[in-house]
Amino acid sequence: MLACKKCLPLLAWQLTATYCNFCKSTHFYPELLCLCLSESPCILEKPESINVLPGSKVQFSVLFSGTPPLTTKWFKSSKEILSSADWSVIKDNTSSTLELFFAKTTDSGDYVCQIQNDVGSLITYLCFGFPEPPEFLLKLPANKFLKQGESLRLECKVSGTVPLKITWFKNDTKVTDGGNYRTSFVDSVAVLELVSTSFEDDGVYTCEAQNDAGSVSCTGVAVLSPGTPPAWCCPRTGTLATHTNAHRGKQGTKNKPLK
């Protein structure tokens, strides 16, 4: 059996009978026949599910093969979609395109494309919706108190349609990963870490989350205080008072008038 792109032929030999008037007998000659079989529909390229912004133009295309004639129909919620003021349906023997001119929230949902010929039929599914804007499920603490030299960890949790872009700022200046800063965004949790802090790290920190649907931000303040000073820098009050009193006592004995 041989195959081509447009049909599935079967090559077979057939004996053709021919009567010969000269020898008064019948002769059989082999004849090669091609029996073509119809091909059922096959999807070569199917549309993918997407998220779009309200008011956007939406277009889905499907490429297919099969023995013509092929009929294509588009459905939403089991109702066939026909060309109208809102929709355009374009069809030919190898492709079909469904186009929505102005996407509304009521248009989101599941869609079906059905392709059919005399041999059989098949369907492909897709859906489109609208992206969910980012939202903070856990915000930064309003104030974060720490001592100079300690590490600082700020984190918040964000929801929303991916991809989500996370950006950190310190006093309105963008923070880049590297050096004393470590940033990460794993399992919807955005983290900013400072390996070691100094008084220069005191200030307002902002986390901004952004996707195609919008952006949102939250802020927190890092307040640094001096670290514990060395023991010799600040003697205890009791010791200082004892030495002072002893010194005063000696002075008093030295200056006491003689009787």
C-alpha atoms as a PDB file:
ATOM      1  CA  MET A   1       0.000   0.000   0.000  1.00  0.00           C
ATOM      2  CA  LEU A   2       1.269   3.493  -0.908  1.00  0.00           C
ATOM      3  CA  ALA A   3       0.123   6.817   0.534  1.00  0.00           C
ATOM      4  CA  CYS A   4       0.081  10.384  -0.680  1.00  0.00           C
ATOM      5  CA  LYS A   5      -0.852  13.659   1.037  1.00  0.00           C
ATOM      6  CA  LYS A   6      -4.266  14.071  -0.572  1.00  0.00           C
ATOM      7  CA  CYS A   7      -5.546  10.503  -0.504  1.00  0.00           C
ATOM      8  CA  LEU A   8      -4.743   7.023   0.684  1.00  0.00           C
ATOM      9  CA  PRO A   9      -4.585   4.903  -2.519  1.00  0.00           C
ATOM     10  CA  LEU A  10      -4.544   1.142  -2.667  1.00  0.00           C
ATOM     11  CA  LEU A  11      -2.685  -0.281  -5.666  1.00  0.00           C
ATOM     12  CA  ALA A  12      -4.259  -3.489  -6.953  1.00  0.00           C
ATOM     13  CA  TRP A  13      -4.010  -5.638 -10.051  1.00  0.00           C
ATOM     14  CA  GLN A  14      -7.104  -6.390 -12.085  1.00  0.00           C
ATOM     15  CA  LEU A  15      -7.323  -8.913 -14.931  1.00  0.00           C
ATOM     16  CA  THR A  16      -9.023  -7.413 -17.940  1.00  0.00           C
ATOM     17  CA  ALA A  17     -10.618  -9.899 -20.347  1.00  0.00           C
ATOM     18  CA  THR A  18     -10.339  -9.320 -24.108  1.00  0.00           C
ATOM     19  CA  TYR A  19     -11.865 -11.618 -26.781  1.00  0.00           C
ATOM     20  CA  CYS A  20      -9.684 -12.219 -29.824  1.00  0.00           C
ATOM     21  CA  ASN A  21     -11.649 -12.762 -33.071  1.00  0.00           C
ATOM     22  CA  PHE A  22      -8.580 -14.097 -34.848  1.00  0.00           C
ATOM     23  CA  CYS A  23      -7.880 -17.005 -32.538  1.00  0.00           C
ATOM     24  CA  LYS A  24     -11.407 -17.231 -31.247  1.00  0.00           C
ATOM     25  CA  SER A  25     -10.291 -17.154 -27.621  1.00  0.00           C
ATOM     26  CA  THR A  26     -10.303 -14.867 -24.619  1.00  0.00           C
ATOM     27  CA  HIS A  27      -7.091 -13.263 -23.351  1.00  0.00           C
ATOM     28  CA  PHE A  28      -6.571 -11.775 -19.846  1.00  0.00           C
ATOM     29  CA  TYR A  29      -4.348  -8.731 -19.368  1.00  0.00           C
ATOM     30  CA  PRO A  30      -3.316  -7.420 -15.932  1.00  0.00           C
ATOM     31  CA  GLU A  31      -4.306  -3.803 -15.276  1.00  0.00           C
ATOM     32  CA  LEU A  32      -3.060  -1.668 -12.406  1.00  0.00           C
ATOM     33  CA  LEU A  33      -5.858   0.052 -10.456  1.00  0.00           C
ATOM     34  CA  CYS A  34      -5.677   2.866  -7.853  1.00  0.00           C
ATOM     35  CA  LEU A  35      -8.370   2.742  -5.217  1.00  0.00           C
ATOM     36  CA  CYS A  36      -8.438   6.066  -3.295  1.00  0.00           C
ATOM     37  CA  LEU A  37      -9.720   6.130   0.272  1.00  0.00           C
ATOM     38  CA  SER A  38     -11.153   9.307   1.842  1.00  0.00           C
ATOM     39  CA  GLU A  39      -9.206  10.860   4.709  1.00  0.00           C
ATOM     40  CA  SER A  40     -10.948  11.913   7.895  1.00  0.00           C
ATOM     41  CA  PRO A  41     -10.282  15.424   9.300  1.00  0.00           C
ATOM     42  CA  CYS A  42      -6.957  15.959  11.077  1.00  0.00           C
ATOM     43  CA  ILE A  43      -5.961  19.099  12.975  1.00  0.00           C
ATOM     44  CA  LEU A  44      -2.531  20.393  11.983  1.00  0.00           C
ATOM     45  CA  GLU A  45      -2.485  23.486  14.195  1.00  0.00           C
ATOM     46  CA  LYS A  46      -4.999  24.243  16.918  1.00  0.00           C
ATOM     47  CA  PRO A  47      -5.680  27.543  18.714  1.00  0.00           C
ATOM     48  CA  GLU A  48      -4.450  28.112  22.266  1.00  0.00           C
ATOM     49  CA  SER A  49      -6.384  29.421  25.237  1.00  0.00           C
ATOM     50  CA  ILE A  50      -5.499  33.015  26.125  1.00  0.00           C
ATOM     51  CA  ASN A  51      -6.267  35.901  28.462  1.00  0.00           C
ATOM     52  CA  VAL A  52      -7.176  39.255  26.919  1.00  0.00           C
ATOM     53  CA  LEU A  53      -7.957  42.754  28.134  1.00  0.00           C
ATOM     54  CA  PRO A  54     -11.525  44.094  27.852  1.00  0.00           C
ATOM     55  CA  GLY A  55     -12.031  45.816  24.527  1.00  0.00           C
ATOM     56  CA  SER A  56      -9.300  43.824  22.774  1.00  0.00           C
ATOM     57  CA  LYS A  57      -9.653  42.052  19.446  1.00  0.00           C
ATOM     58  CA  VAL A  58      -9.589  38.252  19.798  1.00  0.00           C
ATOM     59  CA  GLN A  59      -8.716  35.855  16.996  1.00  0.00           C
ATOM     60  CA  PHE A  60      -8.540  32.057  16.916  1.00  0.00           C
ATOM     61  CA  SER A  61      -7.365  30.047  13.901  1.00  0.00           C
ATOM     62  CA  VAL A  62      -7.262  26.324  13.246  1.00  0.00           C
ATOM     63  CA  LEU A  63      -5.459  24.524  10.399  1.00  0.00           C
ATOM     64  CA  PHE A  64      -6.590  21.074   9.298  1.00  0.00           C
ATOM     65  CA  SER A  65      -6.431  18.486   6.543  1.00  0.00           C
ATOM     66  CA  GLY A  66      -8.837  15.884   5.192  1.00  0.00           C
ATOM     67  CA  THR A  67     -10.704  14.858   2.095  1.00  0.00           C
ATOM     68  CA  PRO A  68     -12.979  17.684   0.946  1.00  0.00           C
ATOM     69  CA  PRO A  69     -15.611  18.871   1.248  1.00  0.00           C
ATOM     70  CA  LEU A  70     -14.918  19.877   4.855  1.00  0.00           C
ATOM     71  CA  THR A  71     -17.357  21.871   6.991  1.00  0.00           C
ATOM     72  CA  THR A  72     -16.271  23.915  10.019  1.00  0.00           C
ATOM     73  CA  LYS A  73     -18.452  25.254  12.817  1.00  0.00           C
ATOM     74  CA  TRP A  74     -17.651  27.293  15.955  1.00  0.00           C
ATOM     75  CA  PHE A  75     -19.673  26.996  19.170  1.00  0.00           C
ATOM     76  CA  LYS A  76     -19.904  28.715  22.554  1.00  0.00           C
ATOM     77  CA  SER A  77     -22.065  27.101  25.223  1.00  0.00           C
ATOM     78  CA  SER A  78     -23.419  24.671  22.578  1.00  0.00           C
ATOM     79  CA  LYS A  79     -24.655  27.595  20.440  1.00  0.00           C
ATOM     80  CA  GLU A  80     -23.198  27.997  16.952  1.00  0.00           C
ATOM     81  CA  ILE A  81     -21.371  31.275  16.291  1.00  0.00           C
ATOM     82  CA  LEU A  82     -22.183  32.933  12.964  1.00  0.00           C
ATOM     83  CA  SER A  83     -20.763  36.050  11.351  1.00  0.00           C
ATOM     84  CA  SER A  84     -22.414  39.149  12.811  1.00  0.00           C
ATOM     85  CA  ALA A  85     -21.676  42.663  14.005  1.00  0.00           C
ATOM     86  CA  ASP A  86     -19.614  41.182  16.866  1.00  0.00           C
ATOM     87  CA  TRP A  87     -18.115  38.090  15.216  1.00  0.00           C
ATOM     88  CA  SER A  88     -16.413  37.101  11.984  1.00  0.00           C
ATOM     89  CA  VAL A  89     -16.183  33.472  10.853  1.00  0.00           C
ATOM     90  CA  ILE A  90     -13.891  32.702   7.895  1.00  0.00           C
ATOM     91  CA  LYS A  91     -13.667  29.207   6.387  1.00  0.00           C
ATOM     92  CA  ASP A  92     -11.939  27.376   3.549  1.00  0.00           C
ATOM     93  CA  ASN A  93     -10.841  23.778   2.845  1.00  0.00           C
ATOM     94  CA  THR A  94      -7.731  23.935   5.068  1.00  0.00           C
ATOM     95  CA  SER A  95      -8.392  26.515   7.780  1.00  0.00           C
ATOM     96  CA  SER A  96     -10.980  28.447   9.749  1.00  0.00           C
ATOM     97  CA  THR A  97     -10.699  31.675  11.739  1.00  0.00           C
ATOM     98  CA  LEU A  98     -12.975  33.019  14.453  1.00  0.00           C
ATOM     99  CA  GLU A  99     -12.579  36.716  15.269  1.00  0.00           C
ATOM    100  CA  LEU A 100     -14.208  38.777  18.016  1.00  0.00           C
ATOM    101  CA  PHE A 101     -14.017  42.500  17.295  1.00  0.00           C
ATOM    102  CA  PHE A 102     -14.492  43.871  20.841  1.00  0.00           C
ATOM    103  CA  ALA A 103     -14.067  41.526  23.800  1.00  0.00           C
ATOM    104  CA  LYS A 104     -16.489  41.898  26.696  1.00  0.00           C
ATOM    105  CA  THR A 105     -16.510  40.097  30.027  1.00  0.00           C
ATOM    106  CA  THR A 106     -19.613  38.180  28.932  1.00  0.00           C
ATOM    107  CA  ASP A 107     -17.636  36.718  26.009  1.00  0.00           C
ATOM    108  CA  SER A 108     -15.210  34.817  28.225  1.00  0.00           C
ATOM    109  CA  GLY A 109     -15.693  31.076  28.465  1.00  0.00           C
ATOM    110  CA  ASP A 110     -15.165  27.810  26.583  1.00  0.00           C
ATOM    111  CA  TYR A 111     -15.275  27.573  22.800  1.00  0.00           C
ATOM    112  CA  VAL A 112     -15.435  24.572  20.450  1.00  0.00           C
ATOM    113  CA  CYS A 113     -14.394  24.212  16.802  1.00  0.00           C
ATOM    114  CA  GLN A 114     -15.945  21.278  14.935  1.00  0.00           C
ATOM    115  CA  ILE A 115     -14.517  19.971  11.641  1.00  0.00           C
ATOM    116  CA  GLN A 116     -16.437  17.382   9.632  1.00  0.00           C
ATOM    117  CA  ASN A 117     -16.463  15.559   6.284  1.00  0.00           C
ATOM    118  CA  ASP A 118     -18.098  12.397   4.878  1.00  0.00           C
ATOM    119  CA  VAL A 119     -15.648  10.148   6.743  1.00  0.00           C
ATOM    120  CA  GLY A 120     -15.873  11.569  10.244  1.00  0.00           C
ATOM    121  CA  SER A 121     -15.575  14.612  12.501  1.00  0.00           C
ATOM    122  CA  LEU A 122     -13.457  15.966  15.321  1.00  0.00           C
ATOM    123  CA  ILE A 123     -13.531  18.915  17.712  1.00  0.00           C
ATOM    124  CA  THR A 124     -10.963  21.065  19.467  1.00  0.00           C
ATOM    125  CA  TYR A 125     -11.511  23.061  22.655  1.00  0.00           C
ATOM    126  CA  LEU A 126     -10.194  26.449  23.751  1.00  0.00           C
ATOM    127  CA  CYS A 127     -11.107  29.197  26.158  1.00  0.00           C
ATOM    128  CA  PHE A 128     -10.310  32.812  26.794  1.00  0.00           C
ATOM    129  CA  GLY A 129     -10.794  35.054  29.779  1.00  0.00           C
ATOM    130  CA  PHE A 130      -9.585  38.279  31.297  1.00  0.00           C
ATOM    131  CA  PRO A 131      -6.427  38.612  33.429  1.00  0.00           C
ATOM    132  CA  GLU A 132      -6.851  39.118  37.146  1.00  0.00           C
ATOM    133  CA  PRO A 133      -5.047  42.234  38.427  1.00  0.00           C
ATOM    134  CA  PRO A 134      -2.442  41.750  41.170  1.00  0.00           C
ATOM    135  CA  GLU A 135      -3.536  41.923  44.786  1.00  0.00           C
ATOM    136  CA  PHE A 136      -1.553  41.699  48.018  1.00  0.00           C
ATOM    137  CA  LEU A 137      -2.711  38.871  50.254  1.00  0.00           C
ATOM    138  CA  LEU A 138       0.016  39.708  52.768  1.00  0.00           C
ATOM    139  CA  LYS A 139       1.462  43.221  52.894  1.00  0.00           C
ATOM    140  CA  LEU A 140       4.752  44.529  54.243  1.00  0.00           C
ATOM    141  CA  PRO A 141       4.809  45.398  57.965  1.00  0.00           C
ATOM    142  CA  ALA A 142       4.229  49.103  58.581  1.00  0.00           C
ATOM    143  CA  ASN A 143       7.441  49.357  60.619  1.00  0.00           C
ATOM    144  CA  LYS A 144      10.421  47.068  60.978  1.00  0.00           C
ATOM    145  CA  PHE A 145      12.753  47.789  63.903  1.00  0.00           C
ATOM    146  CA  LEU A 146      16.249  46.372  63.925  1.00  0.00           C
ATOM    147  CA  LYS A 147      19.742  47.166  65.142  1.00  0.00           C
ATOM    148  CA  GLN A 148      22.629  48.203  62.992  1.00  0.00           C
ATOM    149  CA  GLY A 149      24.447  45.153  61.584  1.00  0.00           C
ATOM    150  CA  GLU A 150      21.422  42.850  61.712  1.00  0.00           C
ATOM    151  CA  SER A 151      20.001  41.286  58.554  1.00  0.00           C
ATOM    152  CA  LEU A 152      16.673  42.518  57.195  1.00  0.00           C
ATOM    153  CA  ARG A 153      13.988  40.374  55.535  1.00  0.00           C
ATOM    154  CA  LEU A 154      10.871  41.906  53.996  1.00  0.00           C
ATOM    155  CA  GLU A 155       8.236  39.726  52.359  1.00  0.00           C
ATOM    156  CA  CYS A 156       4.713  39.958  50.995  1.00  0.00           C
ATOM    157  CA  LYS A 157       2.326  37.598  49.182  1.00  0.00           C
ATOM    158  CA  VAL A 158       0.766  38.489  45.839  1.00  0.00           C
ATOM    159  CA  SER A 159      -2.060  36.973  43.782  1.00  0.00           C
ATOM    160  CA  GLY A 160      -3.008  37.683  40.174  1.00  0.00           C
ATOM    161  CA  THR A 161      -2.754  36.326  36.639  1.00  0.00           C
ATOM    162  CA  VAL A 162       0.772  35.393  35.682  1.00  0.00           C
ATOM    163  CA  PRO A 163       3.224  36.536  34.559  1.00  0.00           C
ATOM    164  CA  LEU A 164       3.670  38.871  37.520  1.00  0.00           C
ATOM    165  CA  LYS A 165       6.565  41.330  37.634  1.00  0.00           C
ATOM    166  CA  ILE A 166       7.891  42.252  41.086  1.00  0.00           C
ATOM    167  CA  THR A 167       9.967  45.410  41.631  1.00  0.00           C
ATOM    168  CA  TRP A 168      11.448  46.693  44.904  1.00  0.00           C
ATOM    169  CA  PHE A 169      12.186  50.322  45.752  1.00  0.00           C
ATOM    170  CA  LYS A 170      13.969  52.085  48.606  1.00  0.00           C
ATOM    171  CA  ASN A 171      12.945  55.711  49.008  1.00  0.00           C
ATOM    172  CA  ASP A 172      11.625  55.637  45.395  1.00  0.00           C
ATOM    173  CA  THR A 173      14.931  54.277  44.069  1.00  0.00           C
ATOM    174  CA  LYS A 174      14.823  50.873  42.371  1.00  0.00           C
ATOM    175  CA  VAL A 175      16.580  48.088  44.251  1.00  0.00           C
ATOM    176  CA  THR A 176      18.591  45.680  42.092  1.00  0.00           C
ATOM    177  CA  ASP A 177      19.551  42.161  43.066  1.00  0.00           C
ATOM    178  CA  GLY A 178      23.199  41.733  44.065  1.00  0.00           C
ATOM    179  CA  GLY A 179      25.693  43.016  46.595  1.00  0.00           C
ATOM    180  CA  ASN A 180      23.936  43.471  49.921  1.00  0.00           C
ATOM    181  CA  TYR A 181      20.493  42.836  48.372  1.00  0.00           C
ATOM    182  CA  ARG A 182      18.797  39.500  47.650  1.00  0.00           C
ATOM    183  CA  THR A 183      15.414  39.355  45.896  1.00  0.00           C
ATOM    184  CA  SER A 184      13.186  36.392  45.037  1.00  0.00           C
ATOM    185  CA  PHE A 185       9.635  35.603  43.969  1.00  0.00           C
ATOM    186  CA  VAL A 186       8.618  31.989  44.586  1.00  0.00           C
ATOM    187  CA  ASP A 187       5.133  30.530  45.184  1.00  0.00           C
ATOM    188  CA  SER A 188       3.528  34.005  45.089  1.00  0.00           C
ATOM    189  CA  VAL A 189       5.838  35.284  47.876  1.00  0.00           C
ATOM    190  CA  ALA A 190       8.064  38.282  47.095  1.00  0.00           C
ATOM    191  CA  VAL A 191      11.132  38.625  49.332  1.00  0.00           C
ATOM    192  CA  LEU A 192      13.762  41.334  49.772  1.00  0.00           C
ATOM    193  CA  GLU A 193      16.728  40.519  52.014  1.00  0.00           C
ATOM    194  CA  LEU A 194      19.579  42.702  53.226  1.00  0.00           C
ATOM    195  CA  VAL A 195      22.533  40.631  54.348  1.00  0.00           C
ATOM    196  CA  SER A 196      23.727  43.314  56.774  1.00  0.00           C
ATOM    197  CA  THR A 197      22.219  46.693  57.609  1.00  0.00           C
ATOM    198  CA  SER A 198      23.683  50.102  58.322  1.00  0.00           C
ATOM    199  CA  PHE A 199      22.138  53.509  58.971  1.00  0.00           C
ATOM    200  CA  GLU A 200      22.090  54.056  55.198  1.00  0.00           C
ATOM    201  CA  ASP A 201      19.489  51.272  54.934  1.00  0.00           C
ATOM    202  CA  ASP A 202      17.040  53.201  57.111  1.00  0.00           C
ATOM    203  CA  GLY A 203      14.029  54.322  55.052  1.00  0.00           C
ATOM    204  CA  VAL A 204      10.827  53.438  53.194  1.00  0.00           C
ATOM    205  CA  TYR A 205      10.726  50.175  51.206  1.00  0.00           C
ATOM    206  CA  THR A 206       8.114  49.541  48.515  1.00  0.00           C
ATOM    207  CA  CYS A 207       7.111  46.346  46.732  1.00  0.00           C
ATOM    208  CA  GLU A 208       5.337  46.788  43.385  1.00  0.00           C
ATOM    209  CA  ALA A 209       3.496  43.956  41.601  1.00  0.00           C
ATOM    210  CA  GLN A 210       2.479  44.350  37.964  1.00  0.00           C
ATOM    211  CA  ASN A 211       0.815  42.337  35.176  1.00  0.00           C
ATOM    212  CA  ASP A 212      -1.183  43.090  32.019  1.00  0.00           C
ATOM    213  CA  ALA A 213      -4.266  43.981  34.074  1.00  0.00           C
ATOM    214  CA  GLY A 214      -2.643  46.619  36.291  1.00  0.00           C
ATOM    215  CA  SER A 215      -0.251  47.220  39.166  1.00  0.00           C
ATOM    216  CA  VAL A 216      -0.382  47.539  42.954  1.00  0.00           C
ATOM    217  CA  SER A 217       2.167  48.404  45.639  1.00  0.00           C
ATOM    218  CA  CYS A 218       2.643  48.337  49.403  1.00  0.00           C
ATOM    219  CA  THR A 219       5.222  50.027  51.642  1.00  0.00           C
ATOM    220  CA  GLY A 220       6.999  49.468  54.931  1.00  0.00           C
ATOM    221  CA  VAL A 221       9.513  51.477  56.970  1.00  0.00           C
ATOM    222  CA  ALA A 222      12.807  50.087  58.237  1.00  0.00           C
ATOM    223  CA  VAL A 223      13.922  51.839  61.439  1.00  0.00           C
ATOM    224  CA  LEU A 224      17.489  51.206  62.573  1.00  0.00           C
ATOM    225  CA  SER A 225      18.874  51.866  66.037  1.00  0.00           C
ATOM    226  CA  PRO A 226      22.505  51.772  67.195  1.00  0.00           C
ATOM    227  CA  GLY A 227      23.892  48.382  68.085  1.00  0.00           C
ATOM    228  CA  THR A 228      25.055  47.442  71.597  1.00  0.00           C
ATOM    229  CA  PRO A 229      28.114  49.620  72.397  1.00  0.00           C
ATOM    230  CA  PRO A 230      31.338  48.128  73.911  1.00  0.00           C
ATOM    231  CA  ALA A 231      31.412  47.753  77.699  1.00  0.00           C
ATOM    232  CA  TRP A 232      34.188  50.301  78.101  1.00  0.00           C
ATOM    233  CA  CYS A 233      32.235  52.924  76.217  1.00  0.00           C
ATOM    234  CA  CYS A 234      29.502  53.253  78.821  1.00  0.00           C
ATOM    235  CA  PRO A 235      30.438  52.213  82.431  1.00  0.00           C
ATOM    236  CA  ARG A 236      27.694  51.166  84.749  1.00  0.00           C
ATOM    237  CA  THR A 237      26.121  53.904  86.859  1.00  0.00           C
ATOM    238  CA  GLY A 238      26.761  52.121  90.167  1.00  0.00           C
ATOM    239  CA  THR A 239      30.502  51.787  89.499  1.00  0.00           C
ATOM    240  CA  LEU A 240      30.774  55.397  88.451  1.00  0.00           C
ATOM    241  CA  ALA A 241      28.969  56.528  91.605  1.00  0.00           C
ATOM    242  CA  THR A 242      31.234  54.422  93.829  1.00  0.00           C
ATOM    243  CA  HIS A 243      34.388  55.837  92.285  1.00  0.00           C
ATOM    244  CA  THR A 244      32.995  59.351  92.527  1.00  0.00           C
ATOM    245  CA  ASN A 245      32.071  58.989  96.181  1.00  0.00           C
ATOM    246  CA  ALA A 246      35.449  57.486  97.002  1.00  0.00           C
ATOM    247  CA  HIS A 247      37.181  60.359  95.246  1.00  0.00           C
ATOM    248  CA  ARG A 248      35.063  62.879  97.096  1.00  0.00           C
ATOM    249  CA  GLY A 249      35.806  61.093 100.385  1.00  0.00           C
ATOM    250  CA  LYS A 250      39.526  61.365  99.826  1.00  0.00           C
ATOM    251  CA  GLN A 251      39.190  65.020  98.974  1.00  0.00           C
ATOM    252  CA  GLY A 252      37.126  65.538 102.097  1.00  0.00           C
ATOM    253  CA  THR A 253      39.754  63.888 104.320  1.00  0.00           C
ATOM    254  CA  LYS A 254      42.558  65.860 102.734  1.00  0.00           C
ATOM    255  CA  ASN A 255      40.862  69.242 103.153  1.00  0.00           C
ATOM    256  CA  LYS A 256      39.405  68.635 106.588  1.00  0.00           C
ATOM    257  CA  PRO A 257      40.696  71.392 108.975  1.00  0.00           C
ATOM    258  CA  LEU A 258      42.808  70.337 111.992  1.00  0.00           C
ATOM    259  CA  LYS A 259      41.547  70.962 115.408  1.00  0.00           C
END
